[in-house]
Every structure is written in C-alpha cells, then in structure tokens.
Protein backbone atom coordinates (compact mmCIF):
# COMPACT_ATOMS: atom_id res chain seq x y z
CA MET A 1 47.76 30.27 73.07
CA PHE A 2 51.51 30.23 72.54
CA SER A 3 54.00 27.64 73.76
CA ARG A 4 57.59 27.42 72.63
CA MET A 5 58.09 24.81 69.90
CA ASP A 6 61.42 23.70 68.46
CA ASP A 7 61.34 21.41 65.42
CA SER A 8 65.04 21.84 64.62
CA GLN A 9 66.04 18.83 66.69
CA PRO A 10 66.72 15.56 64.84
CA MET A 11 64.16 12.78 64.82
CA GLN A 12 64.18 10.87 68.09
CA ASP A 13 64.88 7.13 68.06
CA ASP A 14 61.62 6.43 69.88
CA SER A 15 59.42 8.24 67.31
CA THR A 16 56.92 6.37 65.19
CA ARG A 17 58.02 6.51 61.54
CA LEU A 18 55.80 6.02 58.50
CA THR A 19 57.32 5.87 55.02
CA LEU A 20 55.21 5.83 51.87
CA ARG A 21 56.17 2.68 49.97
CA GLU A 22 55.65 4.05 46.44
CA PRO A 23 54.76 7.44 44.93
CA THR A 24 51.20 7.66 43.68
CA THR A 25 49.04 10.08 41.74
CA LEU A 26 45.87 8.60 43.23
CA PRO A 27 44.68 10.42 46.36
CA ILE A 28 45.24 8.73 49.70
CA GLU A 29 42.77 9.60 52.49
CA ALA A 30 45.07 9.33 55.49
CA ASP A 31 43.00 10.60 58.42
CA ALA A 32 44.10 7.46 60.30
CA ILE A 33 47.60 8.98 60.61
CA SER A 34 47.14 10.70 63.94
CA PRO A 35 48.30 10.21 67.53
CA ASP A 36 44.65 9.89 68.50
CA ARG A 37 44.32 6.81 66.28
CA PHE A 38 47.68 5.24 67.19
CA VAL A 39 47.67 5.52 70.99
CA GLY A 40 46.82 2.24 72.71
CA LEU A 41 47.31 0.08 69.60
CA ASP A 42 50.01 -2.48 68.93
CA ILE A 43 51.84 -2.67 65.61
CA GLU A 44 49.42 -5.18 64.09
CA GLU A 45 46.41 -3.02 64.95
CA ILE A 46 48.06 0.08 63.48
CA GLU A 47 48.90 -1.84 60.30
CA ARG A 48 45.21 -2.69 59.90
CA LEU A 49 43.95 0.90 60.21
CA PRO A 50 41.95 1.71 57.06
CA LEU A 51 42.97 4.22 54.39
CA TRP A 52 41.33 5.05 51.09
CA HIS A 53 43.59 4.80 48.04
CA GLY A 54 41.52 6.13 45.19
CA ARG A 55 38.35 4.05 45.37
CA ARG A 56 39.95 1.19 47.29
CA LYS A 57 39.85 0.81 51.06
CA VAL A 58 43.19 -0.67 52.11
CA PRO A 59 45.08 -1.29 55.36
CA LEU A 60 47.70 1.29 56.28
CA VAL A 61 50.53 -1.23 55.97
CA GLU A 62 49.79 -1.71 52.26
CA LEU A 63 50.81 1.89 51.57
CA PHE A 64 53.25 2.71 54.39
CA SER A 65 56.09 0.90 56.11
CA ILE A 66 55.84 1.39 59.87
CA GLU A 67 58.43 1.59 62.60
CA LEU A 68 56.51 1.80 65.85
CA GLY A 69 57.83 4.01 68.62
CA ASP A 70 56.13 6.75 70.59
CA PRO A 71 52.61 7.00 69.11
CA ASN A 72 52.44 10.64 70.24
CA ASP A 73 55.38 11.60 67.99
CA ILE A 74 54.75 10.56 64.38
CA HIS A 75 57.11 11.28 61.46
CA VAL A 76 55.82 10.76 57.92
CA GLU A 77 58.19 10.49 54.94
CA GLY A 78 57.99 9.94 51.19
CA ASP A 79 56.32 11.61 48.22
CA LEU A 80 53.24 12.79 50.11
CA GLU A 81 51.86 15.35 47.66
CA HIS A 82 48.68 13.29 47.16
CA VAL A 83 48.33 12.14 50.78
CA LYS A 84 45.37 13.98 52.26
CA ARG A 85 43.95 14.55 55.74
CA ILE A 86 47.11 13.86 57.74
CA GLY A 87 46.37 14.77 61.36
CA GLN A 88 42.69 15.42 60.73
CA ASP A 89 40.77 15.87 64.02
CA MET A 90 43.89 15.20 66.13
CA SER A 91 43.71 16.44 69.72
CA HIS A 92 47.24 15.92 71.05
CA GLY A 93 50.75 14.85 70.17
CA ARG A 94 52.99 15.81 67.28
CA ILE A 95 53.21 15.00 63.59
CA VAL A 96 56.19 15.96 61.44
CA VAL A 97 55.79 15.68 57.66
CA HIS A 98 59.15 15.45 55.88
CA GLY A 99 58.26 16.96 52.51
CA ASP A 100 55.08 18.21 50.84
CA ALA A 101 51.60 17.22 52.02
CA GLY A 102 48.19 17.03 50.39
CA MET A 103 44.87 18.68 51.11
CA HIS A 104 43.06 19.02 54.45
CA LEU A 105 46.17 18.67 56.63
CA GLY A 106 45.18 19.21 60.27
CA ALA A 107 41.56 19.92 59.40
CA GLY A 108 39.42 20.07 62.53
CA MET A 109 42.38 19.54 64.86
CA SER A 110 41.74 20.50 68.49
CA GLY A 111 45.27 20.22 69.91
CA GLY A 112 48.83 19.12 69.31
CA GLU A 113 51.36 20.23 66.69
CA ILE A 114 51.85 19.53 63.00
CA ILE A 115 55.11 20.60 61.36
CA VAL A 116 55.52 20.35 57.58
CA GLN A 117 59.00 20.53 56.07
CA GLY A 118 57.60 21.49 52.69
CA ASN A 119 54.44 22.80 51.02
CA VAL A 120 50.81 21.95 51.71
CA ASP A 121 47.80 21.85 49.42
CA ALA A 122 44.38 23.44 49.94
CA ARG A 123 42.36 23.74 53.16
CA ALA A 124 45.13 23.09 55.68
CA GLY A 125 43.77 23.80 59.16
CA ALA A 126 40.17 24.07 57.96
CA HIS A 127 37.84 24.29 60.98
CA MET A 128 40.84 24.10 63.32
CA VAL A 129 39.87 24.56 66.99
CA GLU A 130 43.23 24.63 68.81
CA GLY A 131 46.85 23.57 68.38
CA LEU A 132 49.67 24.60 66.06
CA ILE A 133 50.39 24.05 62.36
CA TRP A 134 53.78 25.27 61.15
CA ILE A 135 54.41 25.04 57.40
CA HIS A 136 58.04 25.55 56.35
CA GLY A 137 57.02 26.17 52.75
CA ASP A 138 53.98 27.49 50.87
CA ALA A 139 50.30 26.90 51.64
CA GLY A 140 47.51 26.40 49.13
CA PRO A 141 44.11 28.09 48.98
CA MET A 142 41.62 28.39 51.84
CA LEU A 143 44.15 28.10 54.65
CA GLY A 144 42.29 27.90 57.97
CA GLY A 145 39.03 28.43 56.12
CA ALA A 146 35.53 26.99 56.05
CA TYR A 147 34.12 24.16 53.98
CA ALA A 148 31.31 24.95 51.57
CA GLY A 149 28.05 25.58 53.39
CA GLU A 150 29.66 25.99 56.82
CA LYS A 151 29.23 29.22 58.78
CA LEU A 152 32.56 29.14 60.65
CA GLY A 153 36.11 28.40 59.58
CA MET A 154 39.07 28.32 61.96
CA LYS A 155 37.90 28.63 65.57
CA GLY A 156 41.25 28.85 67.37
CA GLY A 157 44.88 27.84 67.37
CA VAL A 158 47.87 29.07 65.38
CA ILE A 159 48.96 28.54 61.77
CA ILE A 160 52.36 29.81 60.61
CA VAL A 161 53.47 29.71 56.98
CA ASP A 162 57.11 30.48 56.21
CA GLY A 163 56.41 31.02 52.50
CA ASN A 164 53.41 32.25 50.52
CA ALA A 165 49.74 31.34 50.94
CA GLY A 166 46.96 31.11 48.38
CA PRO A 167 43.62 32.91 48.14
CA ARG A 168 40.82 32.90 50.73
CA ALA A 169 43.01 32.33 53.78
CA ALA A 170 41.10 32.76 57.06
CA GLU A 171 37.73 32.61 55.32
CA ARG A 172 34.95 32.86 57.95
CA MET A 173 37.61 32.71 60.67
CA ARG A 174 36.14 32.95 64.20
CA ARG A 175 39.22 32.92 66.45
CA GLY A 176 42.95 32.21 66.31
CA ILE A 177 45.89 33.63 64.41
CA ILE A 178 47.33 32.95 60.96
CA VAL A 179 50.80 34.25 60.11
CA VAL A 180 52.08 34.32 56.52
CA GLN A 181 55.71 35.38 56.18
CA GLY A 182 55.53 35.62 52.39
CA ASN A 183 52.80 36.99 50.12
CA LEU A 184 49.08 36.26 50.43
CA GLY A 185 46.62 35.60 47.61
CA ASP A 186 43.35 37.41 46.95
CA PHE A 187 40.38 37.55 49.32
CA GLY A 188 42.42 37.11 52.52
CA GLY A 189 40.10 37.22 55.53
CA VAL A 190 36.98 37.08 53.38
CA ARG A 191 33.81 36.99 55.53
CA MET A 192 36.04 36.94 58.62
CA ILE A 193 34.13 37.00 61.92
CA ALA A 194 37.04 37.53 64.35
CA GLY A 195 40.67 36.54 64.85
CA SER A 196 43.93 37.82 63.34
CA LEU A 197 45.65 37.41 59.97
CA PHE A 198 49.22 38.77 59.81
CA VAL A 199 50.98 39.00 56.44
CA PHE A 200 54.62 40.07 56.27
CA GLY A 201 54.69 40.09 52.47
CA THR A 202 52.10 41.81 50.32
CA MET A 203 48.37 41.16 50.66
CA GLY A 204 46.37 40.36 47.54
CA ALA A 205 43.21 41.92 46.15
CA ARG A 206 39.98 42.45 48.09
CA PRO A 207 41.26 41.59 51.59
CA GLY A 208 38.58 41.49 54.27
CA ALA A 209 35.67 41.38 51.82
CA GLY A 210 32.53 40.88 53.90
CA MET A 211 34.44 40.76 57.22
CA LYS A 212 32.55 41.56 60.44
CA ARG A 213 35.32 41.80 63.02
CA GLY A 214 38.94 40.79 63.34
CA THR A 215 42.31 42.21 62.33
CA LEU A 216 44.21 42.02 59.05
CA ALA A 217 47.78 43.31 59.37
CA ALA A 218 49.39 43.97 55.98
CA PHE A 219 52.99 44.55 57.07
CA GLY A 220 54.23 44.41 53.48
CA GLY A 221 51.43 46.57 52.11
CA LEU A 222 48.47 46.01 49.81
CA ARG A 223 48.97 45.07 46.18
CA ARG A 224 45.68 46.58 44.94
CA GLY A 225 44.26 48.64 47.79
CA LEU A 226 41.06 48.05 49.74
CA LEU A 227 37.46 47.75 48.67
CA PRO A 228 35.46 51.03 48.77
CA THR A 229 33.44 49.54 51.62
CA PHE A 230 36.43 50.17 53.92
CA SER A 231 37.00 53.64 55.33
CA TYR A 232 40.09 55.32 56.71
CA SER A 233 39.84 55.59 60.50
CA CYS A 234 43.10 57.06 61.79
CA THR A 235 46.87 56.82 61.91
CA CYS A 236 48.04 55.50 65.25
CA GLU A 237 50.99 54.07 67.10
CA SER A 238 51.39 50.29 67.06
CA PRO A 239 48.50 48.90 69.13
CA PRO A 240 49.51 47.07 72.35
CA PHE A 241 47.95 43.77 71.20
CA LEU A 242 49.95 43.92 67.97
CA ARG A 243 53.23 44.51 69.80
CA TYR A 244 52.42 41.57 72.08
CA TYR A 245 51.89 39.17 69.19
CA LEU A 246 54.96 40.41 67.33
CA ARG A 247 57.10 39.80 70.41
CA ARG A 248 55.69 36.29 70.77
CA LEU A 249 56.39 35.53 67.11
CA ARG A 250 59.93 36.81 67.48
CA ALA A 251 60.38 34.59 70.56
CA TRP A 252 59.42 31.66 68.32
CA GLY A 253 62.21 32.56 65.96
CA LEU A 254 60.32 34.45 63.25
CA PRO A 255 62.34 37.32 61.75
CA VAL A 256 60.09 40.16 62.93
CA PRO A 257 61.69 43.56 62.18
CA GLU A 258 62.13 45.76 65.22
CA ASP A 259 60.64 48.78 63.50
CA LEU A 260 57.27 47.04 63.18
CA MET A 261 56.97 47.24 66.97
CA ASN A 262 57.06 51.03 67.04
CA ARG A 263 55.79 51.88 63.56
CA ARG A 264 52.78 54.11 63.00
CA TYR A 265 49.89 52.32 61.29
CA ARG A 266 47.10 53.50 59.06
CA ARG A 267 43.87 51.93 60.28
CA PHE A 268 40.93 51.17 58.03
CA THR A 269 37.57 49.80 59.21
CA GLY A 270 34.99 47.69 57.40
CA ASP A 271 33.47 45.89 55.69
CA LEU A 272 30.57 48.37 55.71
CA THR A 273 28.36 45.84 53.92
CA THR A 274 28.28 44.03 57.30
CA ILE A 275 28.59 45.45 60.81
CA GLY A 276 31.87 47.10 59.80
CA LYS A 277 33.90 46.39 62.94
CA GLY A 278 36.84 44.72 61.25
CA GLU A 279 40.16 46.50 60.85
CA VAL A 280 43.04 46.52 58.37
CA LEU A 281 46.38 47.82 59.63
CA VAL A 282 49.01 49.04 57.16
CA PRO A 283 52.36 50.37 58.40
CA GLU A 284 53.24 53.93 57.44
CA TRP A 285 56.74 53.73 55.96
CA ASN A 286 57.19 57.35 54.87
C-alpha cells in the first residue's frame, strides 16, 4: 500500500503546467485534467479537451494556459477554489495542485498520486480505489466517503490530511487508510464497513455511528465521548498493526510521537446496532 513519496522537490522542467487564466466564482468541472486524459495527445488535442464552466461546455484552453511536458506529471496553478473533479478517475501519474482545490478531487481514482498545497472542498477521494492523496491543508466534509445512494465509499488507497477535516470522513469506507493530523468533524467513520481512520487531533461527536468493522484511532482523544451503542472491551498494549502503520507514517515524514508506539489503549467495540465488530482505540495518557 505504501511507497515513499517526496513532493518537496521543485517542479521539473519537463512537467506539464496548467494555469487558470482568470479567477471565477462559477464552478469548473475539470475531470479532463488527468494523466489518463493527457497521455498520447498532442498540445492541440489537449487544448480541445472539454470542460464545463457553469452551464457552458468550453475547451480547456479557454480557461487554462498550457505548457506541455510530461503528461504523467501535471502541475495546476491559479485560484482553483471553484475548480472541481481534478484527477477524477485517474489511474496513474501525478498531479500537484498549487493552492486550494474544489470538490470531488481524486474521486474514483484507482492509482497515482495527487498532492494539494492548500485546502480541498467536499468529497475529496470519494469512492477512491487505490493511490495516494496528500492534502497539505484542510479537507472539507465527506472525505473518502460515499455519494448519496451508494453502498460503498473509499475502497482502498491512502489519504493524508496535514490539517483538519470536516464531518463524515470515511463514510461507508470499505478499505484503505485515512490520516488526519489535525481535528476531525462529527460522524467520522459513520457506517464504516472496514478500513482505518487515524486522527492525531481530537475526534468529533458520534464517531463510528453505524459502523460494522474497521478501526478508528483517536490519538488526540474524543471531544464528546462515544455513542451508548459502543462498549468498553479492554485496555491493551499498542496492537502490532497499529505500530506498523505508525512506523510507515513516520517514514513518510509525519510527526508521529514515539510514545504512541508503546502506549496502552482503551478499546471500545461497536456499533451494536449493526454487527458490532468495529473498534475505537483511545490512548491512555494517565
């Protein structure tokens, strides 16, 4: 699952660069910005790729200036707050967003890496299958979650958020790992089926509501406690799988405290309204 990734290096001269020509408050549907769509095309063909700008269908070149280089290494710049679906369904390559990004970033991606040097809006990594999303800012609601009416959310891969994340992260998650270094909103891991959600800040209200399996690790504690449908199981030493993941995250450069490796954890199981095989781990600091 893990491979070393270093996004601290400067942009390479042979990267493909897209720059938004003008800020806009109208949404831009930019699912065409993906290595999968760029590979094999010349500059004229890339310029003609369709985007939706509000209700208008326009060629990519109308909204972005393009410097064509390696189509597998795409850098996107400008005021991108309202640019949605960057990297949607991508299967390989790398996208670096220099600034904030809009909704649905990396939704449905099955491989590759997306790095955001800013914040992202709602539903980043929704229905993600594999790959890596690293957000060097805050994430909006429903991170790695499921769209309305869908039974499964994130099915694999890794999402790392350096800042805070909004409510309903990992909703209906099936596999994979989400790491939030800051605080998490309410209903984290709601209706979770499996997978892992690690929060180094505090975890909001009603975590794990309706979860079947999976692990929620609240390293910074719980702001409002657990639902009564969770029961105390035991206090145990740090589980081997948890130590493994913490070491991998530290190898990636995350500031994982050493004492989390050997800390005793209170383990709670639930949600008893379902099959009740999920777990919430809270370190015992006293």
